[in-house]
C-alpha atoms as a PDB file:
ATOM      1  CA  MET A   1     -13.031 108.906 117.877  1.00  0.00           C
ATOM      2  CA  LYS A   2     -13.668 110.593 121.311  1.00  0.00           C
ATOM      3  CA  LYS A   3     -13.810 107.964 124.060  1.00  0.00           C
ATOM      4  CA  VAL A   4     -15.200 108.139 128.352  1.00  0.00           C
ATOM      5  CA  GLY A   5     -13.780 107.017 131.162  1.00  0.00           C
ATOM      6  CA  TYR A   6     -16.552 106.856 133.885  1.00  0.00           C
ATOM      7  CA  LEU A   7     -16.778 105.009 137.648  1.00  0.00           C
ATOM      8  CA  GLU A   8     -18.808 102.508 138.999  1.00  0.00           C
ATOM      9  CA  GLY A   9     -22.238 103.235 139.772  1.00  0.00           C
ATOM     10  CA  THR A  10     -22.802 106.235 136.284  1.00  0.00           C
ATOM     11  CA  ASN A  11     -25.687 106.316 135.309  1.00  0.00           C
ATOM     12  CA  SER A  12     -26.360 103.653 132.511  1.00  0.00           C
ATOM     13  CA  THR A  13     -28.672 105.867 130.501  1.00  0.00           C
ATOM     14  CA  TYR A  14     -25.904 108.388 130.153  1.00  0.00           C
ATOM     15  CA  LEU A  15     -23.531 105.712 128.878  1.00  0.00           C
ATOM     16  CA  THR A  16     -26.349 104.311 126.555  1.00  0.00           C
ATOM     17  CA  ARG A  17     -26.839 107.487 125.056  1.00  0.00           C
ATOM     18  CA  LEU A  18     -22.738 108.079 125.145  1.00  0.00           C
ATOM     19  CA  ALA A  19     -22.796 104.916 123.197  1.00  0.00           C
ATOM     20  CA  ALA A  20     -24.948 105.731 120.161  1.00  0.00           C
ATOM     21  CA  MET A  21     -23.464 108.385 119.447  1.00  0.00           C
ATOM     22  CA  GLY A  22     -20.707 106.822 118.525  1.00  0.00           C
ATOM     23  CA  ILE A  23     -18.398 107.227 121.750  1.00  0.00           C
ATOM     24  CA  ASP A  24     -16.625 104.681 123.535  1.00  0.00           C
ATOM     25  CA  THR A  25     -16.934 104.283 127.145  1.00  0.00           C
ATOM     26  CA  ILE A  26     -14.211 102.500 129.904  1.00  0.00           C
ATOM     27  CA  PRO A  27     -14.459 101.639 133.080  1.00  0.00           C
ATOM     28  CA  LEU A  28     -12.337 103.435 135.759  1.00  0.00           C
ATOM     29  CA  GLY A  29     -11.757 102.788 139.382  1.00  0.00           C
ATOM     30  CA  ASN A  30     -11.552 104.971 141.984  1.00  0.00           C
ATOM     31  CA  GLY A  31      -8.968 101.975 144.396  1.00  0.00           C
ATOM     32  CA  ALA A  32     -11.703 100.793 146.473  1.00  0.00           C
ATOM     33  CA  ASP A  33     -14.462  99.596 144.263  1.00  0.00           C
ATOM     34  CA  ASN A  34     -12.584  97.263 142.146  1.00  0.00           C
ATOM     35  CA  HIS A  35     -14.788  98.685 138.611  1.00  0.00           C
ATOM     36  CA  GLY A  36     -11.614  98.637 135.655  1.00  0.00           C
ATOM     37  CA  LYS A  37      -8.832 100.786 135.516  1.00  0.00           C
ATOM     38  CA  TYR A  38      -7.640 103.016 138.682  1.00  0.00           C
ATOM     39  CA  VAL A  39      -8.055 106.360 137.422  1.00  0.00           C
ATOM     40  CA  GLY A  40      -4.683 107.350 138.954  1.00  0.00           C
ATOM     41  CA  PHE A  41      -3.156 105.237 136.982  1.00  0.00           C
ATOM     42  CA  ILE A  42      -4.508 106.632 133.122  1.00  0.00           C
ATOM     43  CA  ASP A  43      -2.295 108.099 131.241  1.00  0.00           C
ATOM     44  CA  ARG A  44      -2.110 109.849 127.538  1.00  0.00           C
ATOM     45  CA  SER A  45      -2.487 105.864 126.032  1.00  0.00           C
ATOM     46  CA  ASP A  46      -5.461 105.479 126.720  1.00  0.00           C
ATOM     47  CA  ALA A  47      -7.160 108.317 124.914  1.00  0.00           C
ATOM     48  CA  ILE A  48      -9.456 109.457 127.283  1.00  0.00           C
ATOM     49  CA  ASP A  49     -11.422 113.144 126.683  1.00  0.00           C
ATOM     50  CA  LEU A  50     -13.174 113.065 129.393  1.00  0.00           C
ATOM     51  CA  ILE A  51     -13.906 111.372 133.257  1.00  0.00           C
ATOM     52  CA  ILE A  52     -17.857 111.396 133.903  1.00  0.00           C
ATOM     53  CA  THR A  53     -18.142 109.897 138.110  1.00  0.00           C
ATOM     54  CA  TYR A  54     -20.315 110.739 140.708  1.00  0.00           C
ATOM     55  CA  PHE A  55     -19.354 113.199 143.437  1.00  0.00           C
ATOM     56  CA  HIS A  56     -19.647 110.373 146.343  1.00  0.00           C
ATOM     57  CA  LYS A  57     -17.052 108.457 144.074  1.00  0.00           C
ATOM     58  CA  VAL A  58     -14.615 111.052 144.228  1.00  0.00           C
ATOM     59  CA  VAL A  59     -13.969 111.523 148.129  1.00  0.00           C
ATOM     60  CA  PRO A  60     -12.206 108.587 148.966  1.00  0.00           C
ATOM     61  CA  LEU A  61     -12.786 106.912 152.239  1.00  0.00           C
ATOM     62  CA  THR A  62     -11.476 107.935 155.313  1.00  0.00           C
ATOM     63  CA  GLU A  63      -9.166 104.271 155.765  1.00  0.00           C
ATOM     64  CA  GLN A  64      -8.021 105.115 151.931  1.00  0.00           C
ATOM     65  CA  HIS A  65      -6.310 107.730 153.324  1.00  0.00           C
ATOM     66  CA  THR A  66      -5.990 110.050 150.403  1.00  0.00           C
ATOM     67  CA  SER A  67      -7.674 112.656 148.737  1.00  0.00           C
ATOM     68  CA  PRO A  68     -10.105 113.635 145.820  1.00  0.00           C
ATOM     69  CA  GLN A  69      -6.917 115.660 144.816  1.00  0.00           C
ATOM     70  CA  ALA A  70      -4.545 112.810 145.222  1.00  0.00           C
ATOM     71  CA  LEU A  71      -7.239 110.828 143.081  1.00  0.00           C
ATOM     72  CA  LEU A  72      -8.176 112.767 140.122  1.00  0.00           C
ATOM     73  CA  HIS A  73      -4.415 113.660 139.577  1.00  0.00           C
ATOM     74  CA  ALA A  74      -3.540 111.324 137.429  1.00  0.00           C
ATOM     75  CA  CYS A  75      -6.485 114.133 134.822  1.00  0.00           C
ATOM     76  CA  GLU A  76      -4.333 117.269 135.639  1.00  0.00           C
ATOM     77  CA  LEU A  77      -1.263 115.980 134.621  1.00  0.00           C
ATOM     78  CA  ASN A  78      -2.841 114.818 131.804  1.00  0.00           C
ATOM     79  CA  ASN A  79      -5.243 117.328 131.119  1.00  0.00           C
ATOM     80  CA  ILE A  80      -8.199 115.129 131.363  1.00  0.00           C
ATOM     81  CA  PRO A  81     -11.662 116.775 132.086  1.00  0.00           C
ATOM     82  CA  VAL A  82     -14.176 115.995 135.185  1.00  0.00           C
ATOM     83  CA  LEU A  83     -17.865 115.778 135.446  1.00  0.00           C
ATOM     84  CA  ILE A  84     -18.700 114.935 138.527  1.00  0.00           C
ATOM     85  CA  ILE A  85     -22.370 114.777 138.919  1.00  0.00           C
ATOM     86  CA  LEU A  86     -23.997 116.975 141.760  1.00  0.00           C
ATOM     87  CA  PRO A  87     -27.342 118.432 142.331  1.00  0.00           C
ATOM     88  CA  ASP A  88     -27.403 122.307 141.309  1.00  0.00           C
ATOM     89  CA  ASP A  89     -28.595 122.423 145.545  1.00  0.00           C
ATOM     90  CA  LEU A  90     -25.502 120.574 147.176  1.00  0.00           C
ATOM     91  CA  GLN A  91     -22.523 122.131 144.985  1.00  0.00           C
ATOM     92  CA  ALA A  92     -22.106 124.973 147.193  1.00  0.00           C
ATOM     93  CA  LYS A  93     -20.610 121.845 149.737  1.00  0.00           C
ATOM     94  CA  GLY A  94     -19.024 119.350 147.031  1.00  0.00           C
ATOM     95  CA  ASN A  95     -16.846 122.679 146.172  1.00  0.00           C
ATOM     96  CA  GLU A  96     -15.859 123.023 149.829  1.00  0.00           C
ATOM     97  CA  ALA A  97     -14.630 119.338 149.462  1.00  0.00           C
ATOM     98  CA  MET A  98     -12.557 119.827 145.886  1.00  0.00           C
ATOM     99  CA  ARG A  99     -11.396 123.152 147.056  1.00  0.00           C
ATOM    100  CA  ASN A 100      -7.993 121.689 146.407  1.00  0.00           C
ATOM    101  CA  VAL A 101      -8.340 120.233 143.765  1.00  0.00           C
ATOM    102  CA  THR A 102      -6.606 121.747 140.524  1.00  0.00           C
ATOM    103  CA  ALA A 103      -7.463 118.856 138.409  1.00  0.00           C
ATOM    104  CA  ASP A 104     -10.301 120.615 135.474  1.00  0.00           C
ATOM    105  CA  PHE A 105     -13.549 119.361 136.699  1.00  0.00           C
ATOM    106  CA  ARG A 106     -17.148 120.763 136.833  1.00  0.00           C
ATOM    107  CA  PHE A 107     -19.843 120.015 138.160  1.00  0.00           C
ATOM    108  CA  VAL A 108     -23.331 118.974 136.701  1.00  0.00           C
ATOM    109  CA  ASP A 109     -27.068 119.108 137.168  1.00  0.00           C
ATOM    110  CA  PRO A 110     -27.757 115.166 136.747  1.00  0.00           C
ATOM    111  CA  GLU A 111     -30.339 116.005 134.426  1.00  0.00           C
ATOM    112  CA  ASN A 112     -27.820 117.919 132.300  1.00  0.00           C
ATOM    113  CA  VAL A 113     -24.985 115.535 132.124  1.00  0.00           C
ATOM    114  CA  VAL A 114     -25.279 114.752 128.614  1.00  0.00           C
ATOM    115  CA  GLU A 115     -25.705 117.194 126.973  1.00  0.00           C
ATOM    116  CA  MET A 116     -22.888 119.118 129.127  1.00  0.00           C
ATOM    117  CA  ALA A 117     -20.782 116.035 128.383  1.00  0.00           C
ATOM    118  CA  THR A 118     -21.225 116.230 124.774  1.00  0.00           C
ATOM    119  CA  ASN A 119     -20.056 119.954 124.611  1.00  0.00           C
ATOM    120  CA  LEU A 120     -17.229 119.162 126.702  1.00  0.00           C
ATOM    121  CA  LEU A 121     -16.249 116.541 123.976  1.00  0.00           C
ATOM    122  CA  GLY A 122     -17.005 119.122 121.203  1.00  0.00           C
ATOM    123  CA  LEU A 123     -19.895 116.804 119.613  1.00  0.00           C
END
């Protein structure tokens, strides 16, 4: 069974579609939203195959004194791809903010989330 982690605010329609396809979903947090397990603490035992989140959830608040790279480091260590929802017309700006991130991430327009997620999951 495939498992998708998601950060707070991820469109429930995406998650419902994935669940209807037999994919488990698990809530994750970014350290500021108190939602689910902190993404920085995930490990292989969580068996997460993909993470879906909006762009603003991986760009930490200034007062957090961290970075997108630090926030997604556990994803890199555990080979978990991250699907970051960002409209096509903003992806160049997104690349600037994510320039130091070495985790496997991809931007996806909101219209294509479920399609790209299922492709990445091999479904």
